[in-house]
Amino acid sequence: MAKLRADAQKVVSVIKGDKAKTQAYCQINDLGDQIGEAVQQKDRKKAEALVEKMNELEKQLGPEYLALVDATKDVDPNSNEGQEIESLFDKLGQTCPH
């Protein structure tokens, strides 16, 4: 878990240090909200299109980000580690224009 936390910190600092990656991350956050709305409206086609767009943006964040997303799939979001990793990305999300 310590390695996962260190990896998350590294990924966040890489994204923060690159304006294009920061912009892509902010777009991913926005898409996440739009996907939630599409799912609520039972608009599967729209949700799938948004997920596709999100996947393309995630590739722009680099292999470290993709590896971290994959590695955290098994982490309980309510665990201390899950909360810690989430808070790192929440802080990054706060830098996005709203």
C-alpha atoms as a PDB file:
ATOM      1  CA  MET A   1       0.000   0.000   0.000  1.00  0.00           C
ATOM      2  CA  ALA A   2       2.903   2.382   0.667  1.00  0.00           C
ATOM      3  CA  LYS A   3       4.019   1.906  -2.946  1.00  0.00           C
ATOM      4  CA  LEU A   4       0.500   2.643  -4.170  1.00  0.00           C
ATOM      5  CA  ARG A   5       0.404   5.878  -2.153  1.00  0.00           C
ATOM      6  CA  ALA A   6       3.836   6.871  -3.479  1.00  0.00           C
ATOM      7  CA  ASP A   7       2.730   6.075  -7.032  1.00  0.00           C
ATOM      8  CA  ALA A   8      -0.407   8.187  -6.565  1.00  0.00           C
ATOM      9  CA  GLN A   9       1.648  11.123  -5.270  1.00  0.00           C
ATOM     10  CA  LYS A  10       4.009  10.806  -8.237  1.00  0.00           C
ATOM     11  CA  VAL A  11       1.144  10.679 -10.751  1.00  0.00           C
ATOM     12  CA  VAL A  12      -0.555  13.714  -9.190  1.00  0.00           C
ATOM     13  CA  SER A  13       2.685  15.728  -9.268  1.00  0.00           C
ATOM     14  CA  VAL A  14       3.315  14.754 -12.916  1.00  0.00           C
ATOM     15  CA  ILE A  15      -0.206  15.876 -13.867  1.00  0.00           C
ATOM     16  CA  LYS A  16       0.125  19.111 -11.856  1.00  0.00           C
ATOM     17  CA  GLY A  17       3.422  19.902 -13.559  1.00  0.00           C
ATOM     18  CA  ASP A  18       2.051  19.576 -17.086  1.00  0.00           C
ATOM     19  CA  LYS A  19      -0.580  22.071 -18.215  1.00  0.00           C
ATOM     20  CA  ALA A  20      -1.940  19.779 -20.972  1.00  0.00           C
ATOM     21  CA  LYS A  21      -2.262  16.857 -18.548  1.00  0.00           C
ATOM     22  CA  THR A  22      -3.939  19.075 -15.954  1.00  0.00           C
ATOM     23  CA  GLN A  23      -6.427  20.201 -18.591  1.00  0.00           C
ATOM     24  CA  ALA A  24      -7.104  16.578 -19.614  1.00  0.00           C
ATOM     25  CA  TYR A  25      -7.602  15.610 -15.947  1.00  0.00           C
ATOM     26  CA  CYS A  26     -10.125  18.437 -15.494  1.00  0.00           C
ATOM     27  CA  GLN A  27     -11.985  17.321 -18.625  1.00  0.00           C
ATOM     28  CA  ILE A  28     -12.072  13.765 -17.224  1.00  0.00           C
ATOM     29  CA  ASN A  29     -13.647  15.095 -14.020  1.00  0.00           C
ATOM     30  CA  ASP A  30     -16.297  16.946 -16.032  1.00  0.00           C
ATOM     31  CA  LEU A  31     -16.981  13.849 -18.128  1.00  0.00           C
ATOM     32  CA  GLY A  32     -17.418  11.800 -14.950  1.00  0.00           C
ATOM     33  CA  ASP A  33     -20.222  14.157 -13.902  1.00  0.00           C
ATOM     34  CA  GLN A  34     -21.789  14.012 -17.375  1.00  0.00           C
ATOM     35  CA  ILE A  35     -21.632  10.210 -17.373  1.00  0.00           C
ATOM     36  CA  GLY A  36     -23.436  10.164 -14.027  1.00  0.00           C
ATOM     37  CA  GLU A  37     -26.175  12.381 -15.449  1.00  0.00           C
ATOM     38  CA  ALA A  38     -26.509  10.237 -18.597  1.00  0.00           C
ATOM     39  CA  VAL A  39     -26.800   7.099 -16.467  1.00  0.00           C
ATOM     40  CA  GLN A  40     -29.486   8.727 -14.325  1.00  0.00           C
ATOM     41  CA  GLN A  41     -31.375   9.684 -17.486  1.00  0.00           C
ATOM     42  CA  LYS A  42     -30.938   6.100 -18.718  1.00  0.00           C
ATOM     43  CA  ASP A  43     -29.229   7.435 -21.860  1.00  0.00           C
ATOM     44  CA  ARG A  44     -26.905   4.497 -22.461  1.00  0.00           C
ATOM     45  CA  LYS A  45     -25.726   5.693 -25.859  1.00  0.00           C
ATOM     46  CA  LYS A  46     -24.632   9.068 -24.467  1.00  0.00           C
ATOM     47  CA  ALA A  47     -22.961   7.436 -21.451  1.00  0.00           C
ATOM     48  CA  GLU A  48     -21.004   5.061 -23.697  1.00  0.00           C
ATOM     49  CA  ALA A  49     -19.852   7.929 -25.921  1.00  0.00           C
ATOM     50  CA  LEU A  50     -18.719   9.894 -22.871  1.00  0.00           C
ATOM     51  CA  VAL A  51     -16.859   6.869 -21.457  1.00  0.00           C
ATOM     52  CA  GLU A  52     -15.088   6.488 -24.804  1.00  0.00           C
ATOM     53  CA  LYS A  53     -14.052  10.136 -24.705  1.00  0.00           C
ATOM     54  CA  MET A  54     -12.876   9.712 -21.103  1.00  0.00           C
ATOM     55  CA  ASN A  55     -10.762   6.695 -22.039  1.00  0.00           C
ATOM     56  CA  GLU A  56      -9.035   8.730 -24.761  1.00  0.00           C
ATOM     57  CA  LEU A  57      -8.270  11.548 -22.318  1.00  0.00           C
ATOM     58  CA  GLU A  58      -6.949   9.090 -19.732  1.00  0.00           C
ATOM     59  CA  LYS A  59      -4.406   7.871 -22.294  1.00  0.00           C
ATOM     60  CA  GLN A  60      -3.097  11.452 -22.493  1.00  0.00           C
ATOM     61  CA  LEU A  61      -2.298  11.324 -18.778  1.00  0.00           C
ATOM     62  CA  GLY A  62       0.304   8.670 -19.458  1.00  0.00           C
ATOM     63  CA  PRO A  63       1.028   5.044 -18.632  1.00  0.00           C
ATOM     64  CA  GLU A  64       1.671   5.816 -14.944  1.00  0.00           C
ATOM     65  CA  TYR A  65      -1.864   7.149 -14.559  1.00  0.00           C
ATOM     66  CA  LEU A  66      -3.373   4.162 -16.356  1.00  0.00           C
ATOM     67  CA  ALA A  67      -1.327   1.765 -14.214  1.00  0.00           C
ATOM     68  CA  LEU A  68      -2.462   3.565 -11.050  1.00  0.00           C
ATOM     69  CA  VAL A  69      -6.124   3.410 -12.094  1.00  0.00           C
ATOM     70  CA  ASP A  70      -5.704  -0.302 -12.713  1.00  0.00           C
ATOM     71  CA  ALA A  71      -3.862  -0.859  -9.410  1.00  0.00           C
ATOM     72  CA  THR A  72      -6.498   0.975  -7.375  1.00  0.00           C
ATOM     73  CA  LYS A  73      -9.442  -1.011  -8.740  1.00  0.00           C
ATOM     74  CA  ASP A  74      -9.045  -3.472  -5.871  1.00  0.00           C
ATOM     75  CA  VAL A  75      -8.611  -0.799  -3.183  1.00  0.00           C
ATOM     76  CA  ASP A  76     -11.618  -0.258  -0.922  1.00  0.00           C
ATOM     77  CA  PRO A  77     -12.514   3.426  -1.388  1.00  0.00           C
ATOM     78  CA  ASN A  78     -13.580   3.536   2.273  1.00  0.00           C
ATOM     79  CA  SER A  79     -10.234   2.229   3.554  1.00  0.00           C
ATOM     80  CA  ASN A  80      -7.580   4.611   4.868  1.00  0.00           C
ATOM     81  CA  GLU A  81      -5.457   3.989   1.769  1.00  0.00           C
ATOM     82  CA  GLY A  82      -8.411   4.538  -0.552  1.00  0.00           C
ATOM     83  CA  GLN A  83      -9.331   7.762   1.232  1.00  0.00           C
ATOM     84  CA  GLU A  84      -5.737   8.989   1.124  1.00  0.00           C
ATOM     85  CA  ILE A  85      -5.371   8.357  -2.604  1.00  0.00           C
ATOM     86  CA  GLU A  86      -8.765   9.920  -3.285  1.00  0.00           C
ATOM     87  CA  SER A  87      -7.814  13.041  -1.322  1.00  0.00           C
ATOM     88  CA  LEU A  88      -4.689  13.479  -3.469  1.00  0.00           C
ATOM     89  CA  PHE A  89      -6.836  13.506  -6.595  1.00  0.00           C
ATOM     90  CA  ASP A  90      -9.497  15.664  -4.918  1.00  0.00           C
ATOM     91  CA  LYS A  91      -6.826  18.315  -4.288  1.00  0.00           C
ATOM     92  CA  LEU A  92      -5.806  18.070  -7.929  1.00  0.00           C
ATOM     93  CA  GLY A  93      -9.456  18.413  -8.949  1.00  0.00           C
ATOM     94  CA  GLN A  94      -9.756  21.585  -6.885  1.00  0.00           C
ATOM     95  CA  THR A  95      -7.269  23.230  -9.252  1.00  0.00           C
ATOM     96  CA  CYS A  96      -9.732  22.788 -12.118  1.00  0.00           C
ATOM     97  CA  PRO A  97     -11.825  25.746 -13.215  1.00  0.00           C
ATOM     98  CA  HIS A  98     -15.488  25.243 -12.376  1.00  0.00           C
END
